[in-house]
């Protein structure tokens, strides 16, 4: 700008006319943009942390489901009738239809 076109309150710095109001507006705008950028970075970080937490919990849930199914399979194997019959035979047990009941006298039962 030409020197004779300067308005009141403006000054020339290195040949550029600087107006205080425009400078203040630009600084305020820069501060708002910096604040918005900081807010964006914080929110993006929170979102990423949330997604990581969801991923970790999903993996933990999958591991626990797998363990649950493994335990269920072990229980089913342990309770299988053939396995129970083999265990009973090894332990010298008899079928309930062949069982004899023993009556215990009252003084022995009260111990």
Protein backbone atom coordinates (compact mmCIF):
# COMPACT_ATOMS: atom_id res chain seq x y z
CA UNK A 1 0.00 0.00 0.00
CA UNK A 2 1.06 3.52 -0.52
CA UNK A 3 2.07 5.64 2.42
CA UNK A 4 -0.56 8.23 1.79
CA UNK A 5 -3.30 5.54 1.92
CA UNK A 6 -2.50 4.43 5.48
CA UNK A 7 -5.33 4.74 7.92
CA UNK A 8 -5.11 6.19 11.39
CA UNK A 9 -3.60 3.76 13.90
CA UNK A 10 -1.77 1.65 11.30
CA UNK A 11 1.97 1.48 10.90
CA UNK A 12 4.36 0.14 8.32
CA UNK A 13 6.65 -2.75 9.18
CA UNK A 14 9.18 -3.72 6.52
CA UNK A 15 7.07 -1.95 3.92
CA UNK A 16 3.83 -3.73 4.90
CA UNK A 17 1.00 -1.82 6.48
CA UNK A 18 -0.07 -3.44 9.76
CA UNK A 19 -3.47 -2.59 11.19
CA UNK A 20 -3.90 -3.44 14.90
CA UNK A 21 -7.52 -4.60 14.57
CA UNK A 22 -6.73 -6.97 11.71
CA UNK A 23 -3.66 -8.21 13.57
CA UNK A 24 -5.73 -8.84 16.71
CA UNK A 25 -8.40 -10.62 14.64
CA UNK A 26 -5.76 -12.79 12.96
CA UNK A 27 -4.19 -13.66 16.30
CA UNK A 28 -7.59 -14.54 17.78
CA UNK A 29 -8.38 -16.66 14.73
CA UNK A 30 -5.02 -18.39 15.06
CA UNK A 31 -5.70 -19.09 18.75
CA UNK A 32 -9.14 -20.53 17.95
CA UNK A 33 -7.66 -22.74 15.22
CA UNK A 34 -4.91 -23.93 17.58
CA UNK A 35 -7.56 -24.75 20.19
CA UNK A 36 -9.63 -26.66 17.65
CA UNK A 37 -6.56 -28.57 16.51
CA UNK A 38 -5.75 -29.51 20.12
CA UNK A 39 -9.37 -30.60 20.65
CA UNK A 40 -9.22 -32.72 17.48
CA UNK A 41 -5.98 -34.39 18.57
CA UNK A 42 -7.40 -35.16 22.03
CA UNK A 43 -10.63 -36.56 20.59
CA UNK A 44 -8.77 -38.64 18.00
CA UNK A 45 -6.56 -40.04 20.77
CA UNK A 46 -9.60 -40.87 22.90
CA UNK A 47 -11.28 -42.58 19.94
CA UNK A 48 -8.19 -44.62 19.19
CA UNK A 49 -7.87 -45.65 22.83
CA UNK A 50 -11.54 -46.66 22.85
CA UNK A 51 -11.09 -48.76 19.69
CA UNK A 52 -8.00 -50.40 21.21
CA UNK A 53 -9.98 -51.20 24.37
CA UNK A 54 -12.78 -52.74 22.30
CA UNK A 55 -10.25 -54.86 20.41
CA UNK A 56 -8.59 -56.05 23.62
CA UNK A 57 -11.95 -56.93 25.20
CA UNK A 58 -13.08 -58.74 22.04
CA UNK A 59 -9.89 -60.83 22.10
CA UNK A 60 -10.37 -61.53 25.82
CA UNK A 61 -13.96 -62.61 25.18
CA UNK A 62 -12.85 -64.94 22.37
CA UNK A 63 -10.23 -66.50 24.66
CA UNK A 64 -12.78 -67.04 27.41
CA UNK A 65 -15.29 -68.56 25.01
CA UNK A 66 -12.61 -70.96 23.79
CA UNK A 67 -11.76 -71.92 27.38
CA UNK A 68 -15.48 -72.39 28.13
CA UNK A 69 -15.87 -74.74 25.16
CA UNK A 70 -12.72 -76.66 26.17
CA UNK A 71 -14.07 -77.13 29.69
CA UNK A 72 -17.43 -78.22 28.29
CA UNK A 73 -15.70 -80.80 26.09
CA UNK A 74 -13.66 -82.09 29.05
CA UNK A 75 -16.82 -82.42 31.16
CA UNK A 76 -18.66 -84.22 28.37
CA UNK A 77 -15.73 -86.60 27.97
CA UNK A 78 -15.54 -87.25 31.73
CA UNK A 79 -19.29 -87.87 31.98
CA UNK A 80 -19.51 -90.17 28.97
CA UNK A 81 -21.27 -93.44 30.00
CA UNK A 82 -18.52 -95.68 28.57
CA UNK A 83 -15.85 -93.78 30.51
CA UNK A 84 -17.90 -93.92 33.71
CA UNK A 85 -18.46 -97.67 33.25
CA UNK A 86 -14.73 -98.24 32.74
CA UNK A 87 -13.93 -96.22 35.86
CA UNK A 88 -16.54 -98.11 37.89
CA UNK A 89 -15.15 -101.44 36.70
CA UNK A 90 -11.58 -100.44 37.61
CA UNK A 91 -12.75 -99.26 41.04
CA UNK A 92 -14.59 -102.53 41.71
CA UNK A 93 -18.02 -100.96 41.72
CA UNK A 94 -21.17 -102.89 40.82
CA UNK A 95 -24.36 -101.92 39.05
CA UNK A 96 -27.10 -100.50 41.25
CA UNK A 97 -29.39 -103.44 40.42
CA UNK A 98 -26.84 -105.82 41.99
CA UNK A 99 -26.24 -103.65 45.07
CA UNK A 100 -26.75 -105.01 48.55
CA UNK A 101 -27.69 -102.60 51.29
CA UNK A 102 -26.12 -102.83 54.71
CA UNK A 103 -27.97 -101.60 57.76
CA UNK A 104 -25.72 -99.92 60.28
CA UNK A 105 -26.68 -100.15 63.97
CA UNK A 106 -27.71 -96.84 65.52
CA UNK A 107 -24.67 -96.39 67.85
CA UNK A 108 -22.23 -96.74 64.91
CA UNK A 109 -24.18 -94.35 62.73
CA UNK A 110 -24.18 -91.65 65.39
CA UNK A 111 -20.39 -91.31 65.59
